[in-house]
Amino acid sequence: MLQAAGLIVARTEGTRHLYAIETRGLEALRKWLDGFWDEALVSFKAAAEREAAKERQSR
């Protein structure tokens, strides 16, 4: 599964299976996670600001 996602590379040496991190795949994952968290934090901030505005209006 990790290999299919491009996150690792695997090779066989005799009876051993050797795995290594695929840096390009990891970089792509990092970019996706950064974008995900940026979007999530922006949404959270907007929701918190809406709730704060509602609370100020109800006082």
N, C-alpha and C. Protein backbone atom coordinates (compact mmCIF):
# COMPACT_ATOMS: atom_id res chain seq x y z
N MET A 1 0.83 -1.19 0.00
CA MET A 1 0.00 0.00 0.00
C MET A 1 0.88 1.26 0.00
N LEU A 2 1.89 1.29 0.84
CA LEU A 2 2.78 2.46 0.88
C LEU A 2 3.56 2.59 -0.42
N GLN A 3 3.94 1.46 -0.97
CA GLN A 3 4.67 1.49 -2.24
C GLN A 3 3.76 1.98 -3.36
N ALA A 4 2.52 1.52 -3.39
CA ALA A 4 1.57 1.95 -4.41
C ALA A 4 1.28 3.45 -4.30
N ALA A 5 1.36 3.98 -3.08
CA ALA A 5 1.13 5.41 -2.87
C ALA A 5 2.36 6.24 -3.20
N GLY A 6 3.48 5.59 -3.49
CA GLY A 6 4.69 6.31 -3.84
C GLY A 6 5.45 6.82 -2.63
N LEU A 7 5.19 6.25 -1.45
CA LEU A 7 5.85 6.72 -0.23
C LEU A 7 7.10 5.92 0.11
N ILE A 8 7.20 4.71 -0.41
CA ILE A 8 8.39 3.90 -0.18
C ILE A 8 8.81 3.21 -1.47
N VAL A 9 10.06 2.78 -1.50
CA VAL A 9 10.54 1.91 -2.57
C VAL A 9 10.99 0.62 -1.90
N ALA A 10 10.80 -0.48 -2.59
CA ALA A 10 11.17 -1.78 -2.03
C ALA A 10 12.04 -2.52 -3.03
N ARG A 11 12.97 -3.29 -2.49
CA ARG A 11 13.77 -4.16 -3.34
C ARG A 11 14.08 -5.43 -2.55
N THR A 12 14.37 -6.47 -3.28
CA THR A 12 14.67 -7.75 -2.67
C THR A 12 16.13 -8.08 -2.90
N GLU A 13 16.79 -8.49 -1.83
CA GLU A 13 18.17 -8.99 -1.91
C GLU A 13 18.17 -10.37 -1.28
N GLY A 14 18.20 -11.37 -2.11
CA GLY A 14 18.13 -12.74 -1.60
C GLY A 14 16.78 -12.98 -0.95
N THR A 15 16.80 -13.33 0.32
CA THR A 15 15.55 -13.58 1.04
C THR A 15 15.09 -12.36 1.82
N ARG A 16 15.81 -11.27 1.72
CA ARG A 16 15.46 -10.06 2.47
C ARG A 16 14.69 -9.08 1.60
N HIS A 17 13.76 -8.40 2.22
CA HIS A 17 13.01 -7.32 1.56
C HIS A 17 13.47 -6.02 2.20
N LEU A 18 14.00 -5.13 1.39
CA LEU A 18 14.53 -3.87 1.90
C LEU A 18 13.61 -2.73 1.47
N TYR A 19 13.32 -1.85 2.39
CA TYR A 19 12.41 -0.74 2.13
C TYR A 19 13.12 0.58 2.45
N ALA A 20 12.81 1.58 1.67
CA ALA A 20 13.37 2.92 1.89
C ALA A 20 12.28 3.95 1.59
N ILE A 21 12.41 5.09 2.22
CA ILE A 21 11.45 6.18 1.99
C ILE A 21 11.70 6.77 0.61
N GLU A 22 10.63 7.02 -0.10
CA GLU A 22 10.69 7.69 -1.41
C GLU A 22 10.50 9.18 -1.14
N THR A 23 11.59 9.93 -1.25
CA THR A 23 11.54 11.34 -0.85
C THR A 23 10.57 12.17 -1.68
N ARG A 24 10.43 11.86 -2.96
CA ARG A 24 9.48 12.62 -3.79
C ARG A 24 8.05 12.40 -3.32
N GLY A 25 7.75 11.15 -2.96
CA GLY A 25 6.42 10.85 -2.45
C GLY A 25 6.17 11.52 -1.12
N LEU A 26 7.19 11.54 -0.27
CA LEU A 26 7.06 12.18 1.04
C LEU A 26 6.88 13.69 0.89
N GLU A 27 7.58 14.28 -0.08
CA GLU A 27 7.42 15.72 -0.34
C GLU A 27 6.00 16.03 -0.80
N ALA A 28 5.45 15.17 -1.66
CA ALA A 28 4.08 15.37 -2.13
C ALA A 28 3.09 15.24 -0.98
N LEU A 29 3.31 14.27 -0.10
CA LEU A 29 2.45 14.11 1.08
C LEU A 29 2.54 15.33 1.97
N ARG A 30 3.75 15.83 2.16
CA ARG A 30 3.94 17.02 3.01
C ARG A 30 3.20 18.23 2.44
N LYS A 31 3.27 18.42 1.13
CA LYS A 31 2.55 19.53 0.50
C LYS A 31 1.05 19.39 0.71
N TRP A 32 0.55 18.16 0.54
CA TRP A 32 -0.89 17.92 0.72
C TRP A 32 -1.29 18.20 2.16
N LEU A 33 -0.50 17.71 3.12
CA LEU A 33 -0.82 17.93 4.54
C LEU A 33 -0.77 19.42 4.89
N ASP A 34 0.23 20.12 4.37
CA ASP A 34 0.31 21.57 4.62
C ASP A 34 -0.93 22.27 4.11
N GLY A 35 -1.37 21.93 2.90
CA GLY A 35 -2.57 22.54 2.34
C GLY A 35 -3.80 22.16 3.14
N PHE A 36 -3.88 20.90 3.55
CA PHE A 36 -5.01 20.43 4.35
C PHE A 36 -5.11 21.23 5.65
N TRP A 37 -3.97 21.34 6.38
CA TRP A 37 -4.00 22.05 7.65
C TRP A 37 -4.25 23.54 7.46
N ASP A 38 -3.69 24.13 6.41
CA ASP A 38 -3.95 25.54 6.14
C ASP A 38 -5.45 25.76 5.95
N GLU A 39 -6.07 24.92 5.14
CA GLU A 39 -7.50 25.04 4.88
C GLU A 39 -8.31 24.78 6.15
N ALA A 40 -7.93 23.77 6.92
CA ALA A 40 -8.65 23.44 8.15
C ALA A 40 -8.55 24.58 9.16
N LEU A 41 -7.37 25.17 9.29
CA LEU A 41 -7.19 26.27 10.25
C LEU A 41 -7.95 27.52 9.83
N VAL A 42 -7.99 27.79 8.54
CA VAL A 42 -8.76 28.94 8.04
C VAL A 42 -10.24 28.73 8.34
N SER A 43 -10.73 27.53 8.11
CA SER A 43 -12.14 27.22 8.40
C SER A 43 -12.43 27.31 9.89
N PHE A 44 -11.52 26.80 10.71
CA PHE A 44 -11.70 26.87 12.16
C PHE A 44 -11.72 28.32 12.63
N LYS A 45 -10.82 29.13 12.10
CA LYS A 45 -10.78 30.54 12.48
C LYS A 45 -12.08 31.23 12.11
N ALA A 46 -12.59 30.97 10.92
CA ALA A 46 -13.84 31.59 10.48
C ALA A 46 -15.00 31.17 11.38
N ALA A 47 -15.05 29.89 11.74
CA ALA A 47 -16.12 29.40 12.61
C ALA A 47 -16.01 30.04 13.99
N ALA A 48 -14.81 30.15 14.52
CA ALA A 48 -14.60 30.76 15.84
C ALA A 48 -15.00 32.23 15.81
N GLU A 49 -14.67 32.92 14.73
CA GLU A 49 -15.03 34.34 14.62
C GLU A 49 -16.55 34.51 14.52
N ARG A 50 -17.23 33.60 13.80
CA ARG A 50 -18.70 33.67 13.72
C ARG A 50 -19.33 33.47 15.09
N GLU A 51 -18.83 32.49 15.83
CA GLU A 51 -19.35 32.22 17.17
C GLU A 51 -19.10 33.40 18.10
N ALA A 52 -17.92 34.01 18.01
CA ALA A 52 -17.60 35.16 18.85
C ALA A 52 -18.52 36.33 18.49
N ALA A 53 -18.80 36.53 17.21
CA ALA A 53 -19.69 37.61 16.80
C ALA A 53 -21.10 37.36 17.31
N LYS A 54 -21.58 36.12 17.25
CA LYS A 54 -22.91 35.78 17.78
C LYS A 54 -22.97 36.06 19.28
N GLU A 55 -21.92 35.70 19.97
CA GLU A 55 -21.89 35.92 21.43
C GLU A 55 -21.90 37.41 21.76
N ARG A 56 -21.16 38.20 21.00
CA ARG A 56 -21.15 39.66 21.25
C ARG A 56 -22.52 40.26 20.97
N GLN A 57 -23.21 39.78 19.94
CA GLN A 57 -24.52 40.31 19.59
C GLN A 57 -25.59 39.95 20.62
N SER A 58 -25.42 38.82 21.29
CA SER A 58 -26.44 38.37 22.25
C SER A 58 -26.27 39.04 23.62
N ARG A 59 -25.25 39.80 23.81
CA ARG A 59 -25.03 40.47 25.11
C ARG A 59 -25.83 41.72 25.23
